[in-house]
Amino acid sequence: IRAEELPEIFADEAAEPQEAEPARFVVRDRSFGEIFAGGWRVYRKGFGRFLILALLVSLPSLLLQLAAPFLQMPKEQVLSAPVVVAVAVAFVMLMLLVIAWPFSLAATQLLAADLYAGRDPTLGDLLTRAKPLWTRMFTLGLIVYGSYLLWTVIPFLVALSMAAGAPSISGLLLMLSLLIFAAYMVARLFINFLFWQQAGALGRK
C-alpha cells in the first residue's frame, strides 16, 4: 500500500469531510381524480370506524340539543321533573361532548393517516394513541375557535352599537370598515388554521 493512500497517517492536514448531499424529496402533482380516488379508498376502508368516531361527538350533541328546550324555568318557579331531567341530561351530555371531542378529532386523523399508509388499526388502538393527544387537541381547539369568536363577535358588536346610534356618513363608513375587517380576519384565520387538526394529531411535539 502506498503511503499516499493513507492520509489519516501521513497527510499533513486531515482531509475535510465531504458534506452529505441533502435529501431529495420527489414531489408529484396529482390530478383531482387521483386525489378523489385516494380519499375514497381511505373513506371506504375505514367507514365503520369513521362513523363511530363521529358518533362520539354527534350523539352527545344531539341529546344536548334535545334537552335544551326543557331547561326553561316554569312560571310558578317550582322545579318540575322534566326540568330536572333536562338539566341532568344536558350537563352529562356537555361533559361527554367536551371529553369525547378531542378524542374524536385525534383518532380520526390517525385513522386516515394509517389507512393511507396501508395500515389497518383497530378502534381501541386509535383511542389509545389519541389519549396522549387529548390536551393538545383541546388546547388547539380553544385557540382556533376562540380566535374565530374574538375576531367576529367583537367587530359585530361594535358595528351593531354604532348602528343603534345616530346615523351619520362617518359612522356608516366606520361600521362598513369594521365588517370588512372582520371578513378579512375570518378569511385569514381560515387559511392559517386550515390544517390544525392534522398538525395537532400527526405533527411532532
N, C-alpha and C. Protein backbone atom coordinates (compact mmCIF):
# COMPACT_ATOMS: atom_id res chain seq x y z
N ILE A 1 0.86 -1.19 0.00
CA ILE A 1 0.00 0.00 0.00
C ILE A 1 0.88 1.22 0.00
N ARG A 2 0.66 2.11 -0.89
CA ARG A 2 1.45 3.32 -0.97
C ARG A 2 1.09 4.24 0.19
N ALA A 3 2.10 4.99 0.68
CA ALA A 3 1.88 5.86 1.83
C ALA A 3 0.86 6.94 1.53
N GLU A 4 0.81 7.39 0.29
CA GLU A 4 -0.14 8.46 -0.04
C GLU A 4 -1.59 7.98 0.02
N GLU A 5 -1.77 6.67 0.08
CA GLU A 5 -3.12 6.14 0.19
C GLU A 5 -3.59 6.07 1.64
N LEU A 6 -2.76 6.51 2.57
CA LEU A 6 -3.12 6.53 3.99
C LEU A 6 -3.07 7.96 4.52
N PRO A 7 -3.99 8.81 4.10
CA PRO A 7 -3.92 10.22 4.51
C PRO A 7 -4.13 10.42 6.00
N GLU A 8 -4.82 9.49 6.67
CA GLU A 8 -5.04 9.67 8.11
C GLU A 8 -3.75 9.50 8.89
N ILE A 9 -2.70 8.97 8.28
CA ILE A 9 -1.43 8.77 8.97
C ILE A 9 -0.36 9.72 8.44
N PHE A 10 -0.25 9.80 7.14
CA PHE A 10 0.87 10.52 6.53
C PHE A 10 0.51 11.90 6.01
N ALA A 11 -0.76 12.25 5.96
CA ALA A 11 -1.12 13.56 5.43
C ALA A 11 -0.77 14.64 6.44
N ASP A 12 -0.38 15.82 5.95
CA ASP A 12 -0.07 16.95 6.83
C ASP A 12 -1.34 17.49 7.49
N GLU A 13 -2.43 17.56 6.76
CA GLU A 13 -3.70 18.05 7.28
C GLU A 13 -4.78 17.01 6.99
N ALA A 14 -5.67 16.88 7.95
CA ALA A 14 -6.76 15.93 7.74
C ALA A 14 -7.65 16.40 6.61
N ALA A 15 -8.04 15.46 5.81
CA ALA A 15 -8.91 15.81 4.69
C ALA A 15 -10.26 16.28 5.22
N GLU A 16 -10.79 17.33 4.62
CA GLU A 16 -12.08 17.87 5.04
C GLU A 16 -13.19 16.87 4.69
N PRO A 17 -14.05 16.59 5.65
CA PRO A 17 -15.15 15.65 5.34
C PRO A 17 -16.10 16.24 4.31
N GLN A 18 -16.49 15.40 3.43
CA GLN A 18 -17.41 15.85 2.39
C GLN A 18 -18.82 15.97 2.97
N GLU A 19 -19.47 17.06 2.58
CA GLU A 19 -20.83 17.29 3.07
C GLU A 19 -21.78 16.31 2.39
N ALA A 20 -22.65 15.77 3.23
CA ALA A 20 -23.64 14.84 2.68
C ALA A 20 -24.64 15.60 1.81
N GLU A 21 -25.00 15.00 0.73
CA GLU A 21 -25.97 15.63 -0.15
C GLU A 21 -27.33 15.70 0.54
N PRO A 22 -28.01 16.83 0.42
CA PRO A 22 -29.33 16.93 1.06
C PRO A 22 -30.30 15.93 0.46
N ALA A 23 -31.18 15.47 1.33
CA ALA A 23 -32.18 14.50 0.87
C ALA A 23 -33.09 15.15 -0.16
N ARG A 24 -33.40 14.41 -1.17
CA ARG A 24 -34.26 14.91 -2.23
C ARG A 24 -35.63 14.25 -2.13
N PHE A 25 -36.62 15.10 -2.08
CA PHE A 25 -37.99 14.62 -1.99
C PHE A 25 -38.65 14.72 -3.35
N VAL A 26 -39.28 13.66 -3.72
CA VAL A 26 -39.95 13.63 -5.01
C VAL A 26 -41.36 14.21 -4.84
N VAL A 27 -41.61 15.30 -5.51
CA VAL A 27 -42.91 15.95 -5.46
C VAL A 27 -43.60 15.73 -6.79
N ARG A 28 -44.78 15.16 -6.72
CA ARG A 28 -45.52 14.87 -7.95
C ARG A 28 -46.91 15.48 -7.84
N ASP A 29 -47.25 16.25 -8.86
CA ASP A 29 -48.59 16.82 -8.88
C ASP A 29 -49.62 15.73 -9.16
N ARG A 30 -50.68 15.76 -8.38
CA ARG A 30 -51.74 14.77 -8.56
C ARG A 30 -52.97 15.44 -9.16
N SER A 31 -53.62 14.70 -9.99
CA SER A 31 -54.85 15.21 -10.58
C SER A 31 -55.99 15.10 -9.57
N PHE A 32 -57.09 15.77 -9.86
CA PHE A 32 -58.25 15.70 -8.97
C PHE A 32 -58.78 14.27 -8.88
N GLY A 33 -58.73 13.55 -9.98
CA GLY A 33 -59.19 12.16 -9.97
C GLY A 33 -58.36 11.29 -9.05
N GLU A 34 -57.03 11.49 -9.04
CA GLU A 34 -56.17 10.71 -8.16
C GLU A 34 -56.43 11.05 -6.69
N ILE A 35 -56.63 12.34 -6.41
CA ILE A 35 -56.92 12.74 -5.03
C ILE A 35 -58.25 12.16 -4.58
N PHE A 36 -59.25 12.22 -5.45
CA PHE A 36 -60.57 11.68 -5.10
C PHE A 36 -60.51 10.18 -4.90
N ALA A 37 -59.77 9.49 -5.77
CA ALA A 37 -59.67 8.03 -5.65
C ALA A 37 -58.96 7.63 -4.36
N GLY A 38 -57.88 8.32 -4.02
CA GLY A 38 -57.18 8.01 -2.78
C GLY A 38 -58.02 8.30 -1.56
N GLY A 39 -58.74 9.43 -1.58
CA GLY A 39 -59.62 9.75 -0.46
C GLY A 39 -60.76 8.76 -0.32
N TRP A 40 -61.32 8.36 -1.46
CA TRP A 40 -62.43 7.39 -1.42
C TRP A 40 -61.96 6.04 -0.89
N ARG A 41 -60.74 5.64 -1.25
CA ARG A 41 -60.20 4.37 -0.76
C ARG A 41 -60.06 4.40 0.76
N VAL A 42 -59.55 5.50 1.29
CA VAL A 42 -59.40 5.63 2.74
C VAL A 42 -60.76 5.65 3.42
N TYR A 43 -61.70 6.41 2.87
CA TYR A 43 -63.03 6.54 3.47
C TYR A 43 -63.79 5.22 3.44
N ARG A 44 -63.69 4.52 2.32
CA ARG A 44 -64.43 3.25 2.19
C ARG A 44 -63.86 2.19 3.14
N LYS A 45 -62.55 2.13 3.26
CA LYS A 45 -61.94 1.11 4.09
C LYS A 45 -62.19 1.36 5.57
N GLY A 46 -62.25 2.61 5.97
CA GLY A 46 -62.43 2.91 7.39
C GLY A 46 -63.78 3.50 7.72
N PHE A 47 -64.80 3.24 6.87
CA PHE A 47 -66.11 3.88 7.07
C PHE A 47 -66.69 3.59 8.45
N GLY A 48 -66.67 2.34 8.87
CA GLY A 48 -67.25 2.00 10.17
C GLY A 48 -66.57 2.71 11.32
N ARG A 49 -65.25 2.76 11.30
CA ARG A 49 -64.53 3.43 12.37
C ARG A 49 -64.70 4.95 12.31
N PHE A 50 -64.73 5.51 11.09
CA PHE A 50 -65.02 6.94 10.96
C PHE A 50 -66.40 7.26 11.52
N LEU A 51 -67.38 6.39 11.26
CA LEU A 51 -68.74 6.62 11.75
C LEU A 51 -68.79 6.59 13.28
N ILE A 52 -68.13 5.61 13.88
CA ILE A 52 -68.12 5.51 15.34
C ILE A 52 -67.44 6.74 15.96
N LEU A 53 -66.33 7.18 15.38
CA LEU A 53 -65.64 8.36 15.90
C LEU A 53 -66.49 9.61 15.75
N ALA A 54 -67.28 9.69 14.68
CA ALA A 54 -68.18 10.83 14.52
C ALA A 54 -69.33 10.78 15.52
N LEU A 55 -69.81 9.56 15.82
CA LEU A 55 -70.92 9.42 16.78
C LEU A 55 -70.48 9.79 18.19
N LEU A 56 -69.19 9.69 18.50
CA LEU A 56 -68.72 10.11 19.82
C LEU A 56 -69.04 11.57 20.09
N VAL A 57 -69.12 12.37 19.03
CA VAL A 57 -69.41 13.79 19.18
C VAL A 57 -70.87 14.10 18.85
N SER A 58 -71.39 13.47 17.80
CA SER A 58 -72.74 13.83 17.33
C SER A 58 -73.83 13.37 18.28
N LEU A 59 -73.69 12.21 18.92
CA LEU A 59 -74.73 11.74 19.83
C LEU A 59 -74.87 12.62 21.07
N PRO A 60 -73.79 12.94 21.80
CA PRO A 60 -73.96 13.89 22.92
C PRO A 60 -74.48 15.24 22.48
N SER A 61 -74.04 15.71 21.30
CA SER A 61 -74.53 16.99 20.81
C SER A 61 -76.02 16.94 20.51
N LEU A 62 -76.49 15.85 19.91
CA LEU A 62 -77.91 15.70 19.61
C LEU A 62 -78.75 15.66 20.88
N LEU A 63 -78.32 14.86 21.86
CA LEU A 63 -79.07 14.77 23.11
C LEU A 63 -79.05 16.09 23.87
N LEU A 64 -77.96 16.83 23.77
CA LEU A 64 -77.89 18.15 24.41
C LEU A 64 -78.88 19.11 23.78
N GLN A 65 -78.99 19.08 22.46
CA GLN A 65 -79.95 19.96 21.78
C GLN A 65 -81.39 19.54 22.06
N LEU A 66 -81.64 18.24 22.21
CA LEU A 66 -83.00 17.78 22.53
C LEU A 66 -83.40 18.19 23.95
N ALA A 67 -82.43 18.23 24.86
CA ALA A 67 -82.74 18.60 26.24
C ALA A 67 -82.83 20.10 26.45
N ALA A 68 -82.25 20.89 25.55
CA ALA A 68 -82.20 22.34 25.75
C ALA A 68 -83.57 22.99 25.86
N PRO A 69 -84.58 22.63 25.04
CA PRO A 69 -85.89 23.31 25.18
C PRO A 69 -86.55 23.10 26.53
N PHE A 70 -86.21 22.06 27.27
CA PHE A 70 -86.85 21.78 28.55
C PHE A 70 -86.13 22.44 29.73
N LEU A 71 -85.10 23.24 29.43
CA LEU A 71 -84.35 23.87 30.50
C LEU A 71 -85.00 25.15 31.00
N GLN A 72 -86.07 25.62 30.37
CA GLN A 72 -86.73 26.85 30.79
C GLN A 72 -87.45 26.64 32.12
N MET A 73 -87.25 27.59 33.02
CA MET A 73 -87.90 27.51 34.33
C MET A 73 -89.39 27.77 34.18
N PRO A 74 -90.24 27.01 34.86
CA PRO A 74 -91.69 27.27 34.80
C PRO A 74 -92.04 28.58 35.49
N LYS A 75 -93.20 29.12 35.17
CA LYS A 75 -93.62 30.41 35.71
C LYS A 75 -93.83 30.34 37.23
N GLU A 76 -94.25 29.21 37.74
CA GLU A 76 -94.51 29.10 39.18
C GLU A 76 -93.22 28.91 39.98
N GLN A 77 -92.04 28.93 39.30
CA GLN A 77 -90.74 28.83 39.96
C GLN A 77 -90.57 27.55 40.77
N VAL A 78 -91.26 26.50 40.38
CA VAL A 78 -91.12 25.21 41.03
C VAL A 78 -90.50 24.24 40.03
N LEU A 79 -89.41 23.62 40.44
CA LEU A 79 -88.73 22.69 39.55
C LEU A 79 -89.60 21.46 39.32
N SER A 80 -89.90 21.20 38.07
CA SER A 80 -90.67 20.01 37.72
C SER A 80 -89.72 18.90 37.31
N ALA A 81 -90.28 17.69 37.23
CA ALA A 81 -89.45 16.53 36.87
C ALA A 81 -88.82 16.68 35.50
N PRO A 82 -89.55 17.14 34.46
CA PRO A 82 -88.90 17.31 33.15
C PRO A 82 -87.73 18.28 33.17
N VAL A 83 -87.84 19.35 33.97
CA VAL A 83 -86.75 20.32 34.03
C VAL A 83 -85.53 19.71 34.71
N VAL A 84 -85.75 18.97 35.78
CA VAL A 84 -84.63 18.33 36.49
C VAL A 84 -83.93 17.32 35.59
N VAL A 85 -84.74 16.51 34.90
CA VAL A 85 -84.15 15.52 34.00
C VAL A 85 -83.39 16.21 32.86
N ALA A 86 -83.98 17.29 32.33
CA ALA A 86 -83.32 18.00 31.23
C ALA A 86 -82.00 18.61 31.68
N VAL A 87 -81.96 19.16 32.90
CA VAL A 87 -80.71 19.73 33.42
C VAL A 87 -79.65 18.65 33.58
N ALA A 88 -80.06 17.50 34.12
CA ALA A 88 -79.10 16.40 34.31
C ALA A 88 -78.58 15.88 32.97
N VAL A 89 -79.50 15.69 32.02
CA VAL A 89 -79.09 15.19 30.70
C VAL A 89 -78.18 16.20 30.00
N ALA A 90 -78.54 17.48 30.06
CA ALA A 90 -77.73 18.50 29.40
C ALA A 90 -76.34 18.58 30.00
N PHE A 91 -76.25 18.49 31.33
CA PHE A 91 -74.93 18.57 31.98
C PHE A 91 -74.07 17.36 31.62
N VAL A 92 -74.64 16.16 31.68
CA VAL A 92 -73.88 14.96 31.36
C VAL A 92 -73.45 14.95 29.90
N MET A 93 -74.36 15.35 29.01
CA MET A 93 -74.02 15.36 27.58
C MET A 93 -72.96 16.41 27.27
N LEU A 94 -73.02 17.54 27.97
CA LEU A 94 -72.00 18.57 27.75
C LEU A 94 -70.63 18.07 28.19
N MET A 95 -70.56 17.39 29.33
CA MET A 95 -69.29 16.83 29.79
C MET A 95 -68.77 15.77 28.82
N LEU A 96 -69.68 14.90 28.36
CA LEU A 96 -69.26 13.88 27.40
C LEU A 96 -68.77 14.50 26.10
N LEU A 97 -69.43 15.57 25.68
CA LEU A 97 -69.03 16.25 24.44
C LEU A 97 -67.63 16.84 24.58
N VAL A 98 -67.37 17.48 25.71
CA VAL A 98 -66.06 18.08 25.92
C VAL A 98 -64.97 17.01 25.99
N ILE A 99 -65.28 15.88 26.62
CA ILE A 99 -64.28 14.82 26.76
C ILE A 99 -64.06 14.08 25.44
N ALA A 100 -65.15 13.78 24.71
CA ALA A 100 -65.04 12.95 23.51
C ALA A 100 -64.57 13.72 22.29
N TRP A 101 -64.77 15.03 22.27
CA TRP A 101 -64.44 15.80 21.07
C TRP A 101 -62.96 15.73 20.70
N PRO A 102 -61.99 15.99 21.63
CA PRO A 102 -60.58 15.84 21.25
C PRO A 102 -60.21 14.42 20.87
N PHE A 103 -60.81 13.42 21.53
CA PHE A 103 -60.57 12.03 21.16
C PHE A 103 -60.98 11.79 19.71
N SER A 104 -62.16 12.26 19.35
CA SER A 104 -62.68 12.04 18.00
C SER A 104 -61.80 12.71 16.95
N LEU A 105 -61.38 13.94 17.21
CA LEU A 105 -60.54 14.65 16.24
C LEU A 105 -59.20 13.93 16.04
N ALA A 106 -58.53 13.61 17.14
CA ALA A 106 -57.21 12.98 17.03
C ALA A 106 -57.30 11.60 16.41
N ALA A 107 -58.26 10.78 16.85
CA ALA A 107 -58.38 9.42 16.33
C ALA A 107 -58.76 9.43 14.85
N THR A 108 -59.57 10.39 14.42
CA THR A 108 -59.94 10.47 13.01
C THR A 108 -58.73 10.74 12.14
N GLN A 109 -57.88 11.67 12.56
CA GLN A 109 -56.67 11.97 11.79
C GLN A 109 -55.70 10.80 11.79
N LEU A 110 -55.56 10.13 12.93
CA LEU A 110 -54.67 8.96 13.00
C LEU A 110 -55.18 7.84 12.10
N LEU A 111 -56.49 7.63 12.09
CA LEU A 111 -57.06 6.58 11.26
C LEU A 111 -56.85 6.87 9.78
N ALA A 112 -57.08 8.10 9.37
CA ALA A 112 -56.90 8.46 7.96
C ALA A 112 -55.45 8.29 7.53
N ALA A 113 -54.51 8.71 8.39
CA ALA A 113 -53.09 8.58 8.05
C ALA A 113 -52.67 7.12 7.98
N ASP A 114 -53.15 6.30 8.90
CA ASP A 114 -52.79 4.87 8.89
C ASP A 114 -53.35 4.16 7.67
N LEU A 115 -54.60 4.43 7.35
CA LEU A 115 -55.20 3.78 6.19
C LEU A 115 -54.51 4.20 4.90
N TYR A 116 -54.14 5.46 4.80
CA TYR A 116 -53.43 5.92 3.60
C TYR A 116 -52.06 5.26 3.48
N ALA A 117 -51.41 4.98 4.64
CA ALA A 117 -50.09 4.34 4.62
C ALA A 117 -50.17 2.82 4.49
N GLY A 118 -51.38 2.27 4.42
CA GLY A 118 -51.52 0.83 4.26
C GLY A 118 -51.72 0.07 5.55
N ARG A 119 -51.79 0.76 6.68
CA ARG A 119 -52.03 0.09 7.96
C ARG A 119 -53.53 0.04 8.23
N ASP A 120 -53.93 -0.87 9.11
CA ASP A 120 -55.34 -1.08 9.41
C ASP A 120 -55.53 -1.17 10.92
N PRO A 121 -55.52 -0.02 11.63
CA PRO A 121 -55.58 -0.05 13.09
C PRO A 121 -56.99 -0.35 13.59
N THR A 122 -57.05 -0.90 14.78
CA THR A 122 -58.34 -1.15 15.42
C THR A 122 -58.82 0.12 16.12
N LEU A 123 -60.10 0.14 16.47
CA LEU A 123 -60.65 1.31 17.15
C LEU A 123 -60.02 1.50 18.52
N GLY A 124 -59.77 0.40 19.23
CA GLY A 124 -59.11 0.50 20.54
C GLY A 124 -57.71 1.06 20.44
N ASP A 125 -56.98 0.64 19.41
CA ASP A 125 -55.62 1.16 19.21
C ASP A 125 -55.66 2.65 18.91
N LEU A 126 -56.63 3.09 18.13
CA LEU A 126 -56.74 4.50 17.80
C LEU A 126 -57.03 5.35 19.03
N LEU A 127 -57.96 4.88 19.87
CA LEU A 127 -58.29 5.63 21.08
C LEU A 127 -57.12 5.65 22.07
N THR A 128 -56.36 4.55 22.11
CA THR A 128 -55.18 4.51 22.99
C THR A 128 -54.13 5.51 22.52
N ARG A 129 -53.91 5.59 21.23
CA ARG A 129 -52.93 6.54 20.69
C ARG A 129 -53.44 7.97 20.76
N ALA A 130 -54.76 8.16 20.76
CA ALA A 130 -55.32 9.51 20.83
C ALA A 130 -55.33 10.05 22.25
N LYS A 131 -55.24 9.17 23.25
CA LYS A 131 -55.31 9.61 24.64
C LYS A 131 -54.21 10.62 24.99
N PRO A 132 -52.93 10.39 24.65
CA PRO A 132 -51.91 11.39 24.99
C PRO A 132 -52.09 12.71 24.24
N LEU A 133 -52.87 12.71 23.17
CA LEU A 133 -53.07 13.93 22.37
C LEU A 133 -54.27 14.74 22.83
N TRP A 134 -54.98 14.30 23.88
CA TRP A 134 -56.22 14.96 24.28
C TRP A 134 -55.98 16.42 24.67
N THR A 135 -55.01 16.66 25.54
CA THR A 135 -54.74 18.02 25.99
C THR A 135 -54.31 18.91 24.84
N ARG A 136 -53.50 18.35 23.96
CA ARG A 136 -53.02 19.12 22.81
C ARG A 136 -54.16 19.52 21.89
N MET A 137 -55.04 18.58 21.55
CA MET A 137 -56.15 18.87 20.66
C MET A 137 -57.15 19.82 21.32
N PHE A 138 -57.39 19.64 22.62
CA PHE A 138 -58.31 20.52 23.33
C PHE A 138 -57.79 21.95 23.35
N THR A 139 -56.50 22.12 23.64
CA THR A 139 -55.91 23.46 23.68
C THR A 139 -55.93 24.11 22.32
N LEU A 140 -55.56 23.36 21.28
CA LEU A 140 -55.60 23.91 19.93
C LEU A 140 -57.02 24.29 19.52
N GLY A 141 -57.99 23.46 19.92
CA GLY A 141 -59.38 23.79 19.60
C GLY A 141 -59.83 25.08 20.25
N LEU A 142 -59.44 25.29 21.51
CA LEU A 142 -59.77 26.54 22.17
C LEU A 142 -59.13 27.74 21.47
N ILE A 143 -57.88 27.58 21.04
CA ILE A 143 -57.20 28.67 20.34
C ILE A 143 -57.88 28.97 19.01
N VAL A 144 -58.19 27.92 18.25
CA VAL A 144 -58.77 28.11 16.92
C VAL A 144 -60.16 28.74 17.01
N TYR A 145 -61.05 28.09 17.75
CA TYR A 145 -62.43 28.59 17.81
C TYR A 145 -62.54 29.86 18.64
N GLY A 146 -61.64 30.02 19.63
CA GLY A 146 -61.61 31.28 20.36
C GLY A 146 -61.18 32.44 19.48
N SER A 147 -60.24 32.19 18.56
CA SER A 147 -59.82 33.23 17.64
C SER A 147 -60.96 33.62 16.70
N TYR A 148 -61.66 32.62 16.18
CA TYR A 148 -62.83 32.92 15.34
C TYR A 148 -63.85 33.76 16.11
N LEU A 149 -64.12 33.36 17.36
CA LEU A 149 -65.10 34.08 18.16
C LEU A 149 -64.65 35.51 18.43
N LEU A 150 -63.37 35.68 18.76
CA LEU A 150 -62.85 37.01 19.09
C LEU A 150 -62.94 37.96 17.91
N TRP A 151 -62.52 37.48 16.73
CA TRP A 151 -62.45 38.38 15.58
C TRP A 151 -63.75 38.50 14.80
N THR A 152 -64.80 37.86 15.27
CA THR A 152 -66.12 38.04 14.64
C THR A 152 -67.11 38.72 15.58
N VAL A 153 -67.14 38.28 16.84
CA VAL A 153 -68.14 38.83 17.77
C VAL A 153 -67.85 40.28 18.11
N ILE A 154 -66.59 40.60 18.44
CA ILE A 154 -66.27 41.97 18.85
C ILE A 154 -66.52 42.98 17.73
N PRO A 155 -66.03 42.76 16.49
CA PRO A 155 -66.36 43.73 15.44
C PRO A 155 -67.86 43.85 15.18
N PHE A 156 -68.60 42.73 15.23
CA PHE A 156 -70.04 42.79 15.02
C PHE A 156 -70.74 43.56 16.13
N LEU A 157 -70.32 43.36 17.38
CA LEU A 157 -70.93 44.09 18.48
C LEU A 157 -70.66 45.59 18.37
N VAL A 158 -69.44 45.93 18.00
CA VAL A 158 -69.13 47.35 17.81
C VAL A 158 -69.94 47.94 16.67
N ALA A 159 -70.06 47.17 15.57
CA ALA A 159 -70.85 47.66 14.43
C ALA A 159 -72.32 47.82 14.80
N LEU A 160 -72.86 46.88 15.59
CA LEU A 160 -74.26 46.98 16.00
C LEU A 160 -74.48 48.16 16.94
N SER A 161 -73.53 48.40 17.83
CA SER A 161 -73.67 49.55 18.73
C SER A 161 -73.62 50.86 17.95
N MET A 162 -72.80 50.90 16.90
CA MET A 162 -72.75 52.10 16.07
C MET A 162 -74.02 52.26 15.25
N ALA A 163 -74.58 51.14 14.81
CA ALA A 163 -75.81 51.22 14.03
C ALA A 163 -76.99 51.67 14.88
N ALA A 164 -76.94 51.38 16.19
CA ALA A 164 -78.03 51.78 17.08
C ALA A 164 -77.98 53.27 17.41
N GLY A 165 -76.85 53.92 17.18
CA GLY A 165 -76.73 55.34 17.49
C GLY A 165 -77.29 56.21 16.37
N ALA A 166 -76.97 57.48 16.48
CA ALA A 166 -77.44 58.44 15.47
C ALA A 166 -76.75 58.16 14.14
N PRO A 167 -77.52 58.07 13.06
CA PRO A 167 -76.91 57.76 11.76
C PRO A 167 -76.07 58.92 11.23
N SER A 168 -74.94 58.57 10.65
CA SER A 168 -74.06 59.57 10.03
C SER A 168 -73.22 58.88 8.97
N ILE A 169 -72.70 59.66 8.08
CA ILE A 169 -71.87 59.11 7.00
C ILE A 169 -70.59 58.52 7.56
N SER A 170 -69.96 59.22 8.49
CA SER A 170 -68.71 58.71 9.06
C SER A 170 -68.94 57.43 9.86
N GLY A 171 -70.06 57.40 10.60
CA GLY A 171 -70.37 56.18 11.35
C GLY A 171 -70.65 55.01 10.44
N LEU A 172 -71.37 55.27 9.34
CA LEU A 172 -71.65 54.21 8.39
C LEU A 172 -70.37 53.68 7.75
N LEU A 173 -69.47 54.58 7.39
CA LEU A 173 -68.20 54.15 6.79
C LEU A 173 -67.36 53.36 7.79
N LEU A 174 -67.36 53.79 9.05
CA LEU A 174 -66.60 53.07 10.06
C LEU A 174 -67.20 51.69 10.32
N MET A 175 -68.54 51.61 10.31
CA MET A 175 -69.20 50.33 10.52
C MET A 175 -68.89 49.37 9.37
N LEU A 176 -68.93 49.86 8.14
CA LEU A 176 -68.58 49.02 7.00
C LEU A 176 -67.12 48.59 7.06
N SER A 177 -66.25 49.48 7.51
CA SER A 177 -64.84 49.13 7.64
C SER A 177 -64.64 48.01 8.66
N LEU A 178 -65.38 48.07 9.77
CA LEU A 178 -65.28 47.01 10.78
C LEU A 178 -65.76 45.67 10.23
N LEU A 179 -66.85 45.69 9.48
CA LEU A 179 -67.36 44.44 8.90
C LEU A 179 -66.40 43.87 7.86
N ILE A 180 -65.80 44.75 7.05
CA ILE A 180 -64.82 44.28 6.07
C ILE A 180 -63.60 43.71 6.78
N PHE A 181 -63.18 44.37 7.87
CA PHE A 181 -62.04 43.86 8.64
C PHE A 181 -62.37 42.50 9.24
N ALA A 182 -63.59 42.33 9.75
CA ALA A 182 -63.99 41.05 10.33
C ALA A 182 -63.97 39.95 9.27
N ALA A 183 -64.49 40.26 8.07
CA ALA A 183 -64.48 39.26 6.99
C ALA A 183 -63.05 38.91 6.59
N TYR A 184 -62.17 39.91 6.55
CA TYR A 184 -60.76 39.66 6.21
C TYR A 184 -60.10 38.77 7.26
N MET A 185 -60.35 39.05 8.55
CA MET A 185 -59.74 38.27 9.61
C MET A 185 -60.24 36.82 9.60
N VAL A 186 -61.52 36.62 9.33
CA VAL A 186 -62.05 35.26 9.26
C VAL A 186 -61.39 34.50 8.12
N ALA A 187 -61.20 35.16 6.97
CA ALA A 187 -60.53 34.51 5.84
C ALA A 187 -59.08 34.18 6.19
N ARG A 188 -58.38 35.10 6.86
CA ARG A 188 -57.00 34.83 7.24
C ARG A 188 -56.92 33.68 8.25
N LEU A 189 -57.83 33.68 9.22
CA LEU A 189 -57.83 32.61 10.20
C LEU A 189 -58.12 31.26 9.56
N PHE A 190 -59.03 31.27 8.58
CA PHE A 190 -59.35 30.01 7.88
C PHE A 190 -58.12 29.45 7.19
N ILE A 191 -57.34 30.31 6.55
CA ILE A 191 -56.13 29.85 5.87
C ILE A 191 -55.08 29.39 6.88
N ASN A 192 -54.91 30.15 7.97
CA ASN A 192 -53.88 29.80 8.95
C ASN A 192 -54.22 28.54 9.73
N PHE A 193 -55.52 28.30 9.96
CA PHE A 193 -55.93 27.16 10.76
C PHE A 193 -56.46 26.01 9.91
N LEU A 194 -56.20 26.03 8.62
CA LEU A 194 -56.81 25.06 7.72
C LEU A 194 -56.47 23.62 8.11
N PHE A 195 -55.23 23.37 8.49
CA PHE A 195 -54.78 22.00 8.79
C PHE A 195 -54.41 21.86 10.27
N TRP A 196 -55.13 22.54 11.16
CA TRP A 196 -54.75 22.49 12.56
C TRP A 196 -55.02 21.11 13.16
N GLN A 197 -56.05 20.42 12.71
CA GLN A 197 -56.33 19.09 13.25
C GLN A 197 -55.24 18.09 12.84
N GLN A 198 -54.83 18.15 11.56
CA GLN A 198 -53.78 17.26 11.11
C GLN A 198 -52.46 17.56 11.82
N ALA A 199 -52.15 18.85 11.97
CA ALA A 199 -50.90 19.21 12.64
C ALA A 199 -50.92 18.81 14.10
N GLY A 200 -52.07 18.95 14.75
CA GLY A 200 -52.16 18.59 16.16
C GLY A 200 -52.05 17.11 16.41
N ALA A 201 -52.66 16.28 15.53
CA ALA A 201 -52.65 14.85 15.75
C ALA A 201 -51.43 14.16 15.16
N LEU A 202 -50.92 14.66 14.04
CA LEU A 202 -49.85 13.96 13.33
C LEU A 202 -48.50 14.66 13.44
N GLY A 203 -48.49 15.93 13.85
CA GLY A 203 -47.23 16.66 13.95
C GLY A 203 -46.43 16.24 15.16
N ARG A 204 -45.15 16.54 15.12
CA ARG A 204 -44.29 16.21 16.24
C ARG A 204 -44.50 17.20 17.36
N LYS A 205 -44.29 16.73 18.59
CA LYS A 205 -44.44 17.61 19.75
C LYS A 205 -43.25 18.53 19.84
